[in-house]
Amino acid sequence: MGIKVEFNPDLALRNISEFVNGLRKKEECIPENLEKGKIYDFLKEGQRNYWIEGEVPLLETKGNQNLSRPVASVIILESTHTPVEGKPCTRGRYVVAEVFSDSKINFDGFNRTRS
């Protein structure tokens, strides 16, 4: 038996409607009014490792690796593995570096693009 650990190059959270409808915890969802410079909590099921030395894309997920284009660039400030309701989870905090409101390309692989 091994330890299942996932390495994530992005932070993928659910739409806030899943919290409003009682399907998810608030920390599992993208806040309704995402603000640059504000710090938010996140919660993901499973033991996940995130890059903490720079900006990563914040994506919306519908599950099963169905991901949106980046909705923001965030810096993960901390992440901790912890059991939640008997399941391994990763909880942490991130600060929003920039919110994207257009369709231009903002990341090239792991690198943030700037124009």
C-alpha atoms as a PDB file:
ATOM      1  CA  MET A   1       0.000   0.000   0.000  1.00  0.00           C
ATOM      2  CA  GLY A   2       1.388   3.391  -0.953  1.00  0.00           C
ATOM      3  CA  ILE A   3       0.642   7.011  -0.251  1.00  0.00           C
ATOM      4  CA  LYS A   4      -1.226   8.730  -3.070  1.00  0.00           C
ATOM      5  CA  VAL A   5       0.123  12.269  -3.620  1.00  0.00           C
ATOM      6  CA  GLU A   6      -0.781  14.530  -6.529  1.00  0.00           C
ATOM      7  CA  PHE A   7       1.378  17.365  -7.893  1.00  0.00           C
ATOM      8  CA  ASN A   8      -0.726  20.249  -9.223  1.00  0.00           C
ATOM      9  CA  PRO A   9       0.626  23.040 -11.465  1.00  0.00           C
ATOM     10  CA  ASP A  10      -2.536  25.070 -10.834  1.00  0.00           C
ATOM     11  CA  LEU A  11      -5.258  25.585  -8.243  1.00  0.00           C
ATOM     12  CA  ALA A  12      -8.585  24.259  -9.547  1.00  0.00           C
ATOM     13  CA  LEU A  13     -11.694  25.126  -7.522  1.00  0.00           C
ATOM     14  CA  ARG A  14     -15.439  24.754  -8.114  1.00  0.00           C
ATOM     15  CA  ASN A  15     -17.959  27.411  -9.074  1.00  0.00           C
ATOM     16  CA  ILE A  16     -19.408  29.242  -6.057  1.00  0.00           C
ATOM     17  CA  SER A  17     -22.877  27.969  -7.039  1.00  0.00           C
ATOM     18  CA  GLU A  18     -21.878  24.567  -5.657  1.00  0.00           C
ATOM     19  CA  PHE A  19     -21.459  26.165  -2.211  1.00  0.00           C
ATOM     20  CA  VAL A  20     -24.703  28.141  -2.563  1.00  0.00           C
ATOM     21  CA  ASN A  21     -26.522  24.895  -3.449  1.00  0.00           C
ATOM     22  CA  GLY A  22     -25.017  23.084  -0.450  1.00  0.00           C
ATOM     23  CA  LEU A  23     -22.884  20.695  -2.529  1.00  0.00           C
ATOM     24  CA  ARG A  24     -19.433  21.967  -1.482  1.00  0.00           C
ATOM     25  CA  LYS A  25     -17.698  23.829   1.310  1.00  0.00           C
ATOM     26  CA  LYS A  26     -17.014  27.519   0.662  1.00  0.00           C
ATOM     27  CA  GLU A  27     -13.234  26.908   0.587  1.00  0.00           C
ATOM     28  CA  GLU A  28     -13.679  24.403  -2.277  1.00  0.00           C
ATOM     29  CA  CYS A  29     -15.068  27.155  -4.522  1.00  0.00           C
ATOM     30  CA  ILE A  30     -13.864  30.282  -6.298  1.00  0.00           C
ATOM     31  CA  PRO A  31     -15.151  33.298  -4.362  1.00  0.00           C
ATOM     32  CA  GLU A  32     -17.955  35.205  -6.047  1.00  0.00           C
ATOM     33  CA  ASN A  33     -16.112  38.541  -6.051  1.00  0.00           C
ATOM     34  CA  LEU A  34     -12.473  37.614  -6.487  1.00  0.00           C
ATOM     35  CA  GLU A  35     -10.310  40.642  -5.576  1.00  0.00           C
ATOM     36  CA  LYS A  36      -6.687  41.384  -6.413  1.00  0.00           C
ATOM     37  CA  GLY A  37      -4.523  41.456  -3.273  1.00  0.00           C
ATOM     38  CA  LYS A  38      -7.066  39.623  -1.113  1.00  0.00           C
ATOM     39  CA  ILE A  39      -6.227  36.373   0.685  1.00  0.00           C
ATOM     40  CA  TYR A  40      -8.591  33.392   0.453  1.00  0.00           C
ATOM     41  CA  ASP A  41      -8.696  29.908   1.951  1.00  0.00           C
ATOM     42  CA  PHE A  42      -8.893  26.774  -0.186  1.00  0.00           C
ATOM     43  CA  LEU A  43      -9.686  23.114   0.433  1.00  0.00           C
ATOM     44  CA  LYS A  44      -9.024  20.216  -1.932  1.00  0.00           C
ATOM     45  CA  GLU A  45      -9.641  16.508  -1.417  1.00  0.00           C
ATOM     46  CA  GLY A  46      -6.470  14.403  -1.469  1.00  0.00           C
ATOM     47  CA  GLN A  47      -2.845  15.063  -0.641  1.00  0.00           C
ATOM     48  CA  ARG A  48      -1.709  17.680  -3.136  1.00  0.00           C
ATOM     49  CA  ASN A  49       1.562  19.493  -3.642  1.00  0.00           C
ATOM     50  CA  TYR A  50       1.570  22.985  -5.130  1.00  0.00           C
ATOM     51  CA  TRP A  51       4.352  25.230  -6.393  1.00  0.00           C
ATOM     52  CA  ILE A  52       4.821  28.005  -3.816  1.00  0.00           C
ATOM     53  CA  GLU A  53       7.609  30.054  -5.408  1.00  0.00           C
ATOM     54  CA  GLY A  54       5.523  32.169  -7.767  1.00  0.00           C
ATOM     55  CA  GLU A  55       2.222  32.680  -9.507  1.00  0.00           C
ATOM     56  CA  VAL A  56       0.003  29.776 -10.592  1.00  0.00           C
ATOM     57  CA  PRO A  57      -3.270  29.867 -12.511  1.00  0.00           C
ATOM     58  CA  LEU A  58      -6.576  29.662 -10.651  1.00  0.00           C
ATOM     59  CA  LEU A  59      -8.962  27.554 -12.718  1.00  0.00           C
ATOM     60  CA  GLU A  60     -12.597  26.576 -12.376  1.00  0.00           C
ATOM     61  CA  THR A  61     -13.197  22.828 -12.422  1.00  0.00           C
ATOM     62  CA  LYS A  62     -16.370  20.917 -13.103  1.00  0.00           C
ATOM     63  CA  GLY A  63     -14.640  17.699 -12.002  1.00  0.00           C
ATOM     64  CA  ASN A  64     -12.977  14.867 -13.940  1.00  0.00           C
ATOM     65  CA  GLN A  65     -10.215  17.251 -15.083  1.00  0.00           C
ATOM     66  CA  ASN A  66     -12.740  19.445 -16.922  1.00  0.00           C
ATOM     67  CA  LEU A  67     -10.955  22.783 -16.425  1.00  0.00           C
ATOM     68  CA  SER A  68     -11.553  26.368 -17.531  1.00  0.00           C
ATOM     69  CA  ARG A  69      -8.979  28.824 -18.807  1.00  0.00           C
ATOM     70  CA  PRO A  70      -7.289  30.727 -15.943  1.00  0.00           C
ATOM     71  CA  VAL A  71      -9.676  33.100 -14.167  1.00  0.00           C
ATOM     72  CA  ALA A  72      -6.871  34.603 -12.054  1.00  0.00           C
ATOM     73  CA  SER A  73      -3.219  34.368 -11.157  1.00  0.00           C
ATOM     74  CA  VAL A  74      -2.612  33.448  -7.515  1.00  0.00           C
ATOM     75  CA  ILE A  75       0.286  32.873  -5.157  1.00  0.00           C
ATOM     76  CA  ILE A  76      -0.180  29.965  -2.781  1.00  0.00           C
ATOM     77  CA  LEU A  77       0.921  31.144   0.647  1.00  0.00           C
ATOM     78  CA  GLU A  78       0.575  27.853   2.494  1.00  0.00           C
ATOM     79  CA  SER A  79      -0.805  24.356   2.123  1.00  0.00           C
ATOM     80  CA  THR A  80      -1.203  21.628   4.710  1.00  0.00           C
ATOM     81  CA  HIS A  81      -2.314  18.009   4.508  1.00  0.00           C
ATOM     82  CA  THR A  82      -5.013  17.193   7.030  1.00  0.00           C
ATOM     83  CA  PRO A  83      -7.874  14.729   7.459  1.00  0.00           C
ATOM     84  CA  VAL A  84     -11.322  16.230   6.920  1.00  0.00           C
ATOM     85  CA  GLU A  85     -14.309  14.026   7.706  1.00  0.00           C
ATOM     86  CA  GLY A  86     -12.010  10.987   7.584  1.00  0.00           C
ATOM     87  CA  LYS A  87     -10.525  11.765   4.142  1.00  0.00           C
ATOM     88  CA  PRO A  88      -7.068  13.153   3.357  1.00  0.00           C
ATOM     89  CA  CYS A  89      -7.330  16.762   2.219  1.00  0.00           C
ATOM     90  CA  THR A  90      -5.132  19.727   1.450  1.00  0.00           C
ATOM     91  CA  ARG A  91      -6.090  23.069   2.883  1.00  0.00           C
ATOM     92  CA  GLY A  92      -4.314  26.352   2.443  1.00  0.00           C
ATOM     93  CA  ARG A  93      -4.387  30.028   1.611  1.00  0.00           C
ATOM     94  CA  TYR A  94      -3.675  31.996  -1.544  1.00  0.00           C
ATOM     95  CA  VAL A  95      -3.423  35.660  -2.477  1.00  0.00           C
ATOM     96  CA  VAL A  96      -4.803  36.922  -5.783  1.00  0.00           C
ATOM     97  CA  ALA A  97      -2.077  38.512  -7.931  1.00  0.00           C
ATOM     98  CA  GLU A  98      -4.413  39.429 -10.806  1.00  0.00           C
ATOM     99  CA  VAL A  99      -7.974  38.707 -11.913  1.00  0.00           C
ATOM    100  CA  PHE A 100      -8.407  38.032 -15.636  1.00  0.00           C
ATOM    101  CA  SER A 101     -11.409  39.494 -17.425  1.00  0.00           C
ATOM    102  CA  ASP A 102     -10.475  38.866 -21.052  1.00  0.00           C
ATOM    103  CA  SER A 103      -9.583  35.878 -23.201  1.00  0.00           C
ATOM    104  CA  LYS A 104      -5.894  36.689 -23.781  1.00  0.00           C
ATOM    105  CA  ILE A 105      -3.323  34.043 -22.896  1.00  0.00           C
ATOM    106  CA  ASN A 106      -1.956  34.709 -19.397  1.00  0.00           C
ATOM    107  CA  PHE A 107       0.193  31.592 -18.860  1.00  0.00           C
ATOM    108  CA  ASP A 108       2.577  29.705 -21.133  1.00  0.00           C
ATOM    109  CA  GLY A 109       2.998  26.374 -19.380  1.00  0.00           C
ATOM    110  CA  PHE A 110       4.194  27.322 -15.880  1.00  0.00           C
ATOM    111  CA  ASN A 111       5.277  30.821 -16.907  1.00  0.00           C
ATOM    112  CA  ARG A 112       3.102  33.883 -16.435  1.00  0.00           C
ATOM    113  CA  THR A 113       2.911  35.988 -19.616  1.00  0.00           C
ATOM    114  CA  ARG A 114       2.738  39.765 -19.450  1.00  0.00           C
ATOM    115  CA  SER A 115       2.078  42.237 -22.213  1.00  0.00           C
END
